[in-house]
Amino acid sequence: MSKIRKKYGKKFCKYCANKVETVDYKDLSSIKFALSERFKIMPRRLTGTCKRHQEILEKAIKRSRQAAFIPYVVDRNNVVSSPFDLIK
């Protein structure tokens, strides 16, 4: 039998690579990479973040939702091409 090779590289935590200790809830440019197009929190297996930074990101996302920087729900009737354009 021949070996099956993976076509993708190993995912790594970009926060560990940049030596980030905390993620600010007001810094939406770093938070938006952990959100889907419907502003759901993406899992670790898709983003590649480590467990420690995923927990920090979740807390920052929840705080920014509470402060109304990020919406809880995206409107289905008013569909936009990229919801991240609305975030400044």
N, C-alpha and C. Protein backbone atom coordinates (compact mmCIF):
# COMPACT_ATOMS: atom_id res chain seq x y z
N MET A 1 0.83 -1.19 0.00
CA MET A 1 0.00 0.00 0.00
C MET A 1 0.87 1.24 0.00
N SER A 2 0.42 2.21 -0.71
CA SER A 2 1.15 3.47 -0.74
C SER A 2 0.69 4.37 0.40
N LYS A 3 1.56 5.23 0.81
CA LYS A 3 1.22 6.16 1.88
C LYS A 3 0.33 7.27 1.34
N ILE A 4 -0.62 7.66 2.14
CA ILE A 4 -1.49 8.77 1.78
C ILE A 4 -0.90 10.04 2.36
N ARG A 5 -0.65 11.01 1.49
CA ARG A 5 -0.06 12.26 1.94
C ARG A 5 -1.14 13.30 2.15
N LYS A 6 -0.95 14.11 3.17
CA LYS A 6 -1.88 15.19 3.43
C LYS A 6 -1.57 16.35 2.49
N LYS A 7 -2.60 17.02 2.01
CA LYS A 7 -2.41 18.11 1.07
C LYS A 7 -2.36 19.47 1.75
N TYR A 8 -2.41 19.48 3.05
CA TYR A 8 -2.40 20.74 3.77
C TYR A 8 -1.32 20.70 4.84
N GLY A 9 -0.86 21.87 5.21
CA GLY A 9 0.17 21.97 6.22
C GLY A 9 -0.40 21.93 7.62
N LYS A 10 0.47 21.80 8.58
CA LYS A 10 0.04 21.79 9.97
C LYS A 10 -0.41 23.19 10.38
N LYS A 11 -1.56 23.27 11.03
CA LYS A 11 -2.06 24.56 11.48
C LYS A 11 -1.29 24.98 12.73
N PHE A 12 -1.11 26.27 12.86
CA PHE A 12 -0.39 26.80 14.01
C PHE A 12 -1.16 27.97 14.59
N CYS A 13 -0.89 28.25 15.82
CA CYS A 13 -1.55 29.36 16.51
C CYS A 13 -0.81 30.65 16.17
N LYS A 14 -1.50 31.55 15.47
CA LYS A 14 -0.84 32.80 15.08
C LYS A 14 -0.62 33.72 16.28
N TYR A 15 -1.37 33.51 17.34
CA TYR A 15 -1.18 34.32 18.55
C TYR A 15 0.06 33.87 19.31
N CYS A 16 0.35 32.58 19.31
CA CYS A 16 1.58 32.09 19.92
C CYS A 16 2.79 32.52 19.10
N ALA A 17 2.65 32.50 17.77
CA ALA A 17 3.76 32.89 16.91
C ALA A 17 4.11 34.36 17.09
N ASN A 18 3.11 35.20 17.33
CA ASN A 18 3.34 36.63 17.54
C ASN A 18 3.54 36.98 19.01
N LYS A 19 3.53 35.97 19.88
CA LYS A 19 3.72 36.14 21.32
C LYS A 19 2.71 37.12 21.92
N VAL A 20 1.43 36.92 21.59
CA VAL A 20 0.35 37.75 22.11
C VAL A 20 -0.10 37.19 23.45
N GLU A 21 -0.13 38.02 24.47
CA GLU A 21 -0.56 37.57 25.79
C GLU A 21 -2.07 37.77 25.99
N THR A 22 -2.60 38.92 25.57
CA THR A 22 -4.02 39.19 25.73
C THR A 22 -4.59 39.69 24.41
N VAL A 23 -5.89 39.49 24.24
CA VAL A 23 -6.61 39.99 23.07
C VAL A 23 -7.63 41.00 23.58
N ASP A 24 -7.54 42.22 23.11
CA ASP A 24 -8.44 43.27 23.56
C ASP A 24 -9.77 43.14 22.84
N TYR A 25 -10.85 43.34 23.56
CA TYR A 25 -12.18 43.20 22.96
C TYR A 25 -12.50 44.35 22.01
N LYS A 26 -11.74 45.43 22.08
CA LYS A 26 -11.95 46.58 21.19
C LYS A 26 -11.15 46.46 19.90
N ASP A 27 -10.22 45.53 19.84
CA ASP A 27 -9.39 45.32 18.66
C ASP A 27 -10.09 44.36 17.71
N LEU A 28 -10.98 44.89 16.88
CA LEU A 28 -11.81 44.06 16.02
C LEU A 28 -11.05 43.46 14.85
N SER A 29 -9.92 44.03 14.48
CA SER A 29 -9.16 43.47 13.37
C SER A 29 -8.55 42.12 13.73
N SER A 30 -8.18 41.91 14.98
CA SER A 30 -7.65 40.61 15.38
C SER A 30 -8.75 39.63 15.74
N ILE A 31 -9.90 40.13 16.15
CA ILE A 31 -11.01 39.25 16.53
C ILE A 31 -11.72 38.68 15.31
N LYS A 32 -11.78 39.42 14.21
CA LYS A 32 -12.61 39.00 13.08
C LYS A 32 -12.10 37.74 12.40
N PHE A 33 -10.85 37.34 12.63
CA PHE A 33 -10.34 36.11 12.03
C PHE A 33 -10.89 34.88 12.73
N ALA A 34 -11.45 35.04 13.91
CA ALA A 34 -12.01 33.91 14.65
C ALA A 34 -13.53 33.84 14.51
N LEU A 35 -14.10 34.69 13.64
CA LEU A 35 -15.55 34.72 13.44
C LEU A 35 -15.90 34.26 12.02
N SER A 36 -17.04 33.58 11.89
CA SER A 36 -17.52 33.19 10.57
C SER A 36 -18.26 34.36 9.93
N GLU A 37 -18.79 34.16 8.73
CA GLU A 37 -19.50 35.24 8.05
C GLU A 37 -20.81 35.58 8.73
N ARG A 38 -21.30 34.71 9.60
CA ARG A 38 -22.51 34.98 10.37
C ARG A 38 -22.17 35.37 11.81
N PHE A 39 -20.91 35.75 12.03
CA PHE A 39 -20.40 36.20 13.33
C PHE A 39 -20.50 35.12 14.41
N LYS A 40 -20.36 33.86 14.00
CA LYS A 40 -20.26 32.78 14.98
C LYS A 40 -18.79 32.54 15.28
N ILE A 41 -18.50 32.07 16.49
CA ILE A 41 -17.12 31.79 16.88
C ILE A 41 -16.69 30.50 16.20
N MET A 42 -15.59 30.57 15.45
CA MET A 42 -15.10 29.39 14.74
C MET A 42 -14.32 28.49 15.69
N PRO A 43 -14.42 27.18 15.50
CA PRO A 43 -13.73 26.25 16.41
C PRO A 43 -12.21 26.24 16.18
N ARG A 44 -11.52 25.67 17.14
CA ARG A 44 -10.06 25.59 17.10
C ARG A 44 -9.55 24.78 15.92
N ARG A 45 -10.26 23.74 15.56
CA ARG A 45 -9.79 22.87 14.49
C ARG A 45 -9.79 23.57 13.13
N LEU A 46 -10.59 24.63 12.98
CA LEU A 46 -10.60 25.38 11.74
C LEU A 46 -9.63 26.56 11.75
N THR A 47 -9.51 27.23 12.89
CA THR A 47 -8.65 28.41 12.95
C THR A 47 -7.20 28.05 13.25
N GLY A 48 -6.97 26.95 13.96
CA GLY A 48 -5.61 26.56 14.30
C GLY A 48 -5.09 27.18 15.57
N THR A 49 -5.92 27.90 16.30
CA THR A 49 -5.45 28.52 17.55
C THR A 49 -5.32 27.47 18.64
N CYS A 50 -4.45 27.73 19.59
CA CYS A 50 -4.26 26.80 20.70
C CYS A 50 -5.40 26.99 21.71
N LYS A 51 -5.48 26.08 22.66
CA LYS A 51 -6.58 26.10 23.63
C LYS A 51 -6.56 27.38 24.47
N ARG A 52 -5.39 27.79 24.89
CA ARG A 52 -5.27 28.98 25.73
C ARG A 52 -5.74 30.24 25.01
N HIS A 53 -5.30 30.42 23.78
CA HIS A 53 -5.69 31.61 23.04
C HIS A 53 -7.14 31.54 22.56
N GLN A 54 -7.65 30.33 22.32
CA GLN A 54 -9.06 30.20 21.94
C GLN A 54 -9.96 30.66 23.09
N GLU A 55 -9.61 30.32 24.31
CA GLU A 55 -10.40 30.76 25.46
C GLU A 55 -10.32 32.28 25.64
N ILE A 56 -9.14 32.85 25.41
CA ILE A 56 -8.99 34.31 25.49
C ILE A 56 -9.81 34.98 24.40
N LEU A 57 -9.79 34.41 23.19
CA LEU A 57 -10.56 34.96 22.07
C LEU A 57 -12.05 34.90 22.34
N GLU A 58 -12.53 33.77 22.87
CA GLU A 58 -13.95 33.64 23.18
C GLU A 58 -14.40 34.69 24.18
N LYS A 59 -13.59 34.91 25.18
CA LYS A 59 -13.93 35.92 26.19
C LYS A 59 -13.96 37.31 25.57
N ALA A 60 -12.99 37.62 24.69
CA ALA A 60 -12.94 38.93 24.04
C ALA A 60 -14.13 39.12 23.09
N ILE A 61 -14.52 38.06 22.38
CA ILE A 61 -15.66 38.15 21.46
C ILE A 61 -16.94 38.37 22.25
N LYS A 62 -17.10 37.66 23.33
CA LYS A 62 -18.31 37.82 24.14
C LYS A 62 -18.38 39.21 24.77
N ARG A 63 -17.23 39.75 25.17
CA ARG A 63 -17.22 41.10 25.72
C ARG A 63 -17.52 42.14 24.64
N SER A 64 -17.02 41.94 23.43
CA SER A 64 -17.30 42.90 22.37
C SER A 64 -18.75 42.81 21.90
N ARG A 65 -19.36 41.64 22.02
CA ARG A 65 -20.80 41.54 21.74
C ARG A 65 -21.60 42.28 22.80
N GLN A 66 -21.18 42.15 24.03
CA GLN A 66 -21.85 42.84 25.13
C GLN A 66 -21.75 44.36 24.99
N ALA A 67 -20.60 44.83 24.49
CA ALA A 67 -20.39 46.26 24.29
C ALA A 67 -20.93 46.75 22.94
N ALA A 68 -21.56 45.86 22.17
CA ALA A 68 -22.22 46.17 20.89
C ALA A 68 -21.23 46.54 19.79
N PHE A 69 -19.99 46.02 19.84
CA PHE A 69 -19.07 46.19 18.74
C PHE A 69 -19.33 45.16 17.64
N ILE A 70 -19.77 43.97 18.06
CA ILE A 70 -20.08 42.87 17.14
C ILE A 70 -21.53 42.47 17.39
N PRO A 71 -22.31 42.24 16.33
CA PRO A 71 -23.71 41.83 16.55
C PRO A 71 -23.80 40.38 17.02
N TYR A 72 -24.86 40.08 17.75
CA TYR A 72 -25.13 38.71 18.16
C TYR A 72 -25.63 37.88 16.99
N VAL A 73 -26.54 38.46 16.20
CA VAL A 73 -27.19 37.75 15.10
C VAL A 73 -27.10 38.61 13.84
N VAL A 74 -26.87 37.96 12.71
CA VAL A 74 -26.86 38.66 11.43
C VAL A 74 -28.26 38.59 10.84
N ASP A 75 -28.73 39.70 10.29
CA ASP A 75 -30.07 39.76 9.70
C ASP A 75 -30.12 38.92 8.43
N ARG A 76 -31.02 37.97 8.36
CA ARG A 76 -31.14 37.11 7.18
C ARG A 76 -31.79 37.83 6.01
N ASN A 77 -32.67 38.78 6.28
CA ASN A 77 -33.37 39.47 5.21
C ASN A 77 -32.47 40.48 4.50
N ASN A 78 -31.58 41.12 5.22
CA ASN A 78 -30.67 42.11 4.66
C ASN A 78 -29.30 41.47 4.49
N VAL A 79 -29.10 40.72 3.40
CA VAL A 79 -27.86 40.00 3.18
C VAL A 79 -26.86 40.93 2.50
N VAL A 80 -25.65 40.98 3.07
CA VAL A 80 -24.57 41.78 2.48
C VAL A 80 -23.48 40.84 2.00
N SER A 81 -22.63 41.33 1.10
CA SER A 81 -21.59 40.47 0.55
C SER A 81 -20.54 40.13 1.60
N SER A 82 -20.14 41.11 2.39
CA SER A 82 -19.14 40.87 3.44
C SER A 82 -19.56 41.62 4.70
N PRO A 83 -19.99 40.92 5.74
CA PRO A 83 -20.40 41.63 6.95
C PRO A 83 -19.25 42.30 7.69
N PHE A 84 -18.01 41.92 7.38
CA PHE A 84 -16.86 42.51 8.06
C PHE A 84 -16.58 43.92 7.55
N ASP A 85 -17.18 44.30 6.40
CA ASP A 85 -17.04 45.68 5.93
C ASP A 85 -17.78 46.64 6.85
N LEU A 86 -18.80 46.15 7.55
CA LEU A 86 -19.56 46.97 8.47
C LEU A 86 -18.77 47.28 9.73
N ILE A 87 -17.83 46.37 10.08
CA ILE A 87 -16.98 46.58 11.26
C ILE A 87 -15.83 47.49 10.86
N LYS A 88 -15.61 48.52 11.65
CA LYS A 88 -14.53 49.46 11.31
C LYS A 88 -13.32 49.20 12.13
